[in-house]
Each structure stands twice: as structure tokens, then as C-alpha cells.
Amino acid sequence: MNQKKAKQVRKLSIEFVITWLKTMLIEEEQKKVSVKTYKKFLPEDSHFFANGKLMVSAYTPRWFAKKIKKVLKHKDINDITYSDVI
């Protein structure tokens, strides 16, 4: 994956995290979530240790990026939606 596409994947993964967070919060809290503030709504630990492996926590930007990369094999980055990843 080249640098340009990797940047697009990271940007899209952050958008999906924000979309997911907004579905989990009440309306008052949804207004507080933005690209600059989404990290304070996520847990500090981005990985966890299970079954002798270090794994990526679900619904983090890195988790969404992994899912987007899997979908990229079949779709263009501009055609990927939140529902394709979830």
C-alpha cells in the first residue's frame, strides 16, 4: 500500500470511529465528538492480551483500518461505507 492510500485509510478509519461513537452516545454528548476530541471518548488501551497473543481492541482507529484494508481488495476506497466495515 502506498503512502497516499494509507493516509486515506487512516482518515476513513477516524471517520468511522466518530460515526460509531455517535451511535453509542446520547445527543448532548454526540455534539462534543469531533476529529480533534474523539480520542478522549475511547479507552486508553488500544491492545489487549488474550490466548497468548497481543490483539487490537475493537472499534479503535487501528481496528477500523484493518477492516477497511480487507474491504479494499474488493472495493475502491471512495466506495467503502461504514456498513461495509461493520
C-alpha atoms as a PDB file:
ATOM      1  CA  MET A   1       0.000   0.000   0.000  1.00  0.00           C
ATOM      2  CA  ASN A   2       1.437   3.346  -0.949  1.00  0.00           C
ATOM      3  CA  GLN A   3       1.635   6.380   1.288  1.00  0.00           C
ATOM      4  CA  LYS A   4      -1.303   8.181  -0.318  1.00  0.00           C
ATOM      5  CA  LYS A   5      -3.685   5.239   0.082  1.00  0.00           C
ATOM      6  CA  ALA A   6      -2.510   4.583   3.658  1.00  0.00           C
ATOM      7  CA  LYS A   7      -3.321   8.185   4.563  1.00  0.00           C
ATOM      8  CA  GLN A   8      -6.807   7.799   3.054  1.00  0.00           C
ATOM      9  CA  VAL A   9      -7.350   4.601   5.057  1.00  0.00           C
ATOM     10  CA  ARG A  10      -6.319   6.287   8.323  1.00  0.00           C
ATOM     11  CA  LYS A  11      -8.591   9.261   7.625  1.00  0.00           C
ATOM     12  CA  LEU A  12     -11.529   6.998   6.789  1.00  0.00           C
ATOM     13  CA  SER A  13     -10.938   4.892   9.903  1.00  0.00           C
ATOM     14  CA  ILE A  14     -11.152   8.006  12.093  1.00  0.00           C
ATOM     15  CA  GLU A  15     -14.421   8.975  10.392  1.00  0.00           C
ATOM     16  CA  PHE A  16     -15.802   5.506  11.118  1.00  0.00           C
ATOM     17  CA  VAL A  17     -14.734   5.715  14.780  1.00  0.00           C
ATOM     18  CA  ILE A  18     -16.575   9.017  15.099  1.00  0.00           C
ATOM     19  CA  THR A  19     -19.653   7.531  13.417  1.00  0.00           C
ATOM     20  CA  TRP A  20     -19.565   4.552  15.774  1.00  0.00           C
ATOM     21  CA  LEU A  21     -19.098   6.772  18.837  1.00  0.00           C
ATOM     22  CA  LYS A  22     -22.078   8.900  17.867  1.00  0.00           C
ATOM     23  CA  THR A  23     -24.294   5.813  17.725  1.00  0.00           C
ATOM     24  CA  MET A  24     -23.277   4.924  21.280  1.00  0.00           C
ATOM     25  CA  LEU A  25     -23.741   8.366  22.883  1.00  0.00           C
ATOM     26  CA  ILE A  26     -26.768  10.475  23.731  1.00  0.00           C
ATOM     27  CA  GLU A  27     -27.478  13.556  21.614  1.00  0.00           C
ATOM     28  CA  GLU A  28     -25.849  16.005  24.014  1.00  0.00           C
ATOM     29  CA  GLU A  29     -22.605  14.017  24.015  1.00  0.00           C
ATOM     30  CA  GLN A  30     -22.722  13.463  20.233  1.00  0.00           C
ATOM     31  CA  LYS A  31     -22.227  17.179  19.668  1.00  0.00           C
ATOM     32  CA  LYS A  32     -18.957  17.041  21.610  1.00  0.00           C
ATOM     33  CA  VAL A  33     -17.395  14.365  19.368  1.00  0.00           C
ATOM     34  CA  SER A  34     -15.177  15.690  16.577  1.00  0.00           C
ATOM     35  CA  VAL A  35     -11.952  14.764  14.819  1.00  0.00           C
ATOM     36  CA  LYS A  36      -9.998  16.649  17.471  1.00  0.00           C
ATOM     37  CA  THR A  37     -11.826  15.252  20.523  1.00  0.00           C
ATOM     38  CA  TYR A  38     -12.740  11.659  19.653  1.00  0.00           C
ATOM     39  CA  LYS A  39      -9.714  10.193  21.478  1.00  0.00           C
ATOM     40  CA  LYS A  40     -10.968  11.221  24.907  1.00  0.00           C
ATOM     41  CA  PHE A  41     -14.076   9.040  24.375  1.00  0.00           C
ATOM     42  CA  LEU A  42     -12.000   5.918  23.612  1.00  0.00           C
ATOM     43  CA  PRO A  43     -10.247   3.740  26.189  1.00  0.00           C
ATOM     44  CA  GLU A  44      -6.531   4.338  26.675  1.00  0.00           C
ATOM     45  CA  ASP A  45      -5.593   0.732  25.881  1.00  0.00           C
ATOM     46  CA  SER A  46      -5.615   0.080  22.150  1.00  0.00           C
ATOM     47  CA  HIS A  47      -4.470  -3.543  22.539  1.00  0.00           C
ATOM     48  CA  PHE A  48      -5.223  -6.433  24.864  1.00  0.00           C
ATOM     49  CA  PHE A  49      -3.514  -9.722  25.635  1.00  0.00           C
ATOM     50  CA  ALA A  50      -5.571 -12.875  25.076  1.00  0.00           C
ATOM     51  CA  ASN A  51      -4.763 -16.504  24.253  1.00  0.00           C
ATOM     52  CA  GLY A  52      -1.053 -15.787  24.303  1.00  0.00           C
ATOM     53  CA  LYS A  53      -1.358 -13.023  21.686  1.00  0.00           C
ATOM     54  CA  LEU A  54      -1.446  -9.252  21.706  1.00  0.00           C
ATOM     55  CA  MET A  55      -4.603  -8.222  19.834  1.00  0.00           C
ATOM     56  CA  VAL A  56      -6.089  -4.926  18.650  1.00  0.00           C
ATOM     57  CA  SER A  57      -9.092  -3.728  20.659  1.00  0.00           C
ATOM     58  CA  ALA A  58     -12.354  -3.477  18.753  1.00  0.00           C
ATOM     59  CA  TYR A  59     -13.707  -0.162  17.456  1.00  0.00           C
ATOM     60  CA  THR A  60     -10.418   1.722  17.577  1.00  0.00           C
ATOM     61  CA  PRO A  61      -8.958   3.567  14.573  1.00  0.00           C
ATOM     62  CA  ARG A  62      -6.457   0.771  14.028  1.00  0.00           C
ATOM     63  CA  TRP A  63      -9.222  -1.871  14.144  1.00  0.00           C
ATOM     64  CA  PHE A  64     -11.245   0.044  11.564  1.00  0.00           C
ATOM     65  CA  ALA A  65      -8.122   0.446   9.390  1.00  0.00           C
ATOM     66  CA  LYS A  66      -7.625  -3.336   9.388  1.00  0.00           C
ATOM     67  CA  LYS A  67     -11.243  -3.864   8.359  1.00  0.00           C
ATOM     68  CA  ILE A  68     -11.002  -1.202   5.621  1.00  0.00           C
ATOM     69  CA  LYS A  69      -7.884  -2.871   4.199  1.00  0.00           C
ATOM     70  CA  LYS A  70      -9.788  -6.157   3.920  1.00  0.00           C
ATOM     71  CA  VAL A  71     -12.640  -4.447   2.057  1.00  0.00           C
ATOM     72  CA  LEU A  72     -10.159  -2.613  -0.213  1.00  0.00           C
ATOM     73  CA  LYS A  73      -9.457  -5.891  -2.010  1.00  0.00           C
ATOM     74  CA  HIS A  74     -12.979  -5.792  -3.434  1.00  0.00           C
ATOM     75  CA  LYS A  75     -13.930  -2.091  -3.478  1.00  0.00           C
ATOM     76  CA  ASP A  76     -12.413   1.287  -4.176  1.00  0.00           C
ATOM     77  CA  ILE A  77     -11.629   3.439  -1.119  1.00  0.00           C
ATOM     78  CA  ASN A  78     -14.199   6.047  -2.180  1.00  0.00           C
ATOM     79  CA  ASP A  79     -16.954   3.406  -2.303  1.00  0.00           C
ATOM     80  CA  ILE A  80     -16.395   1.958   1.181  1.00  0.00           C
ATOM     81  CA  THR A  81     -19.144   2.760   3.679  1.00  0.00           C
ATOM     82  CA  TYR A  82     -19.480   2.270   7.422  1.00  0.00           C
ATOM     83  CA  SER A  83     -21.829  -0.676   6.872  1.00  0.00           C
ATOM     84  CA  ASP A  84     -19.239  -2.444   4.666  1.00  0.00           C
ATOM     85  CA  VAL A  85     -16.786  -2.485   7.554  1.00  0.00           C
ATOM     86  CA  ILE A  86     -19.146  -3.411  10.375  1.00  0.00           C
END
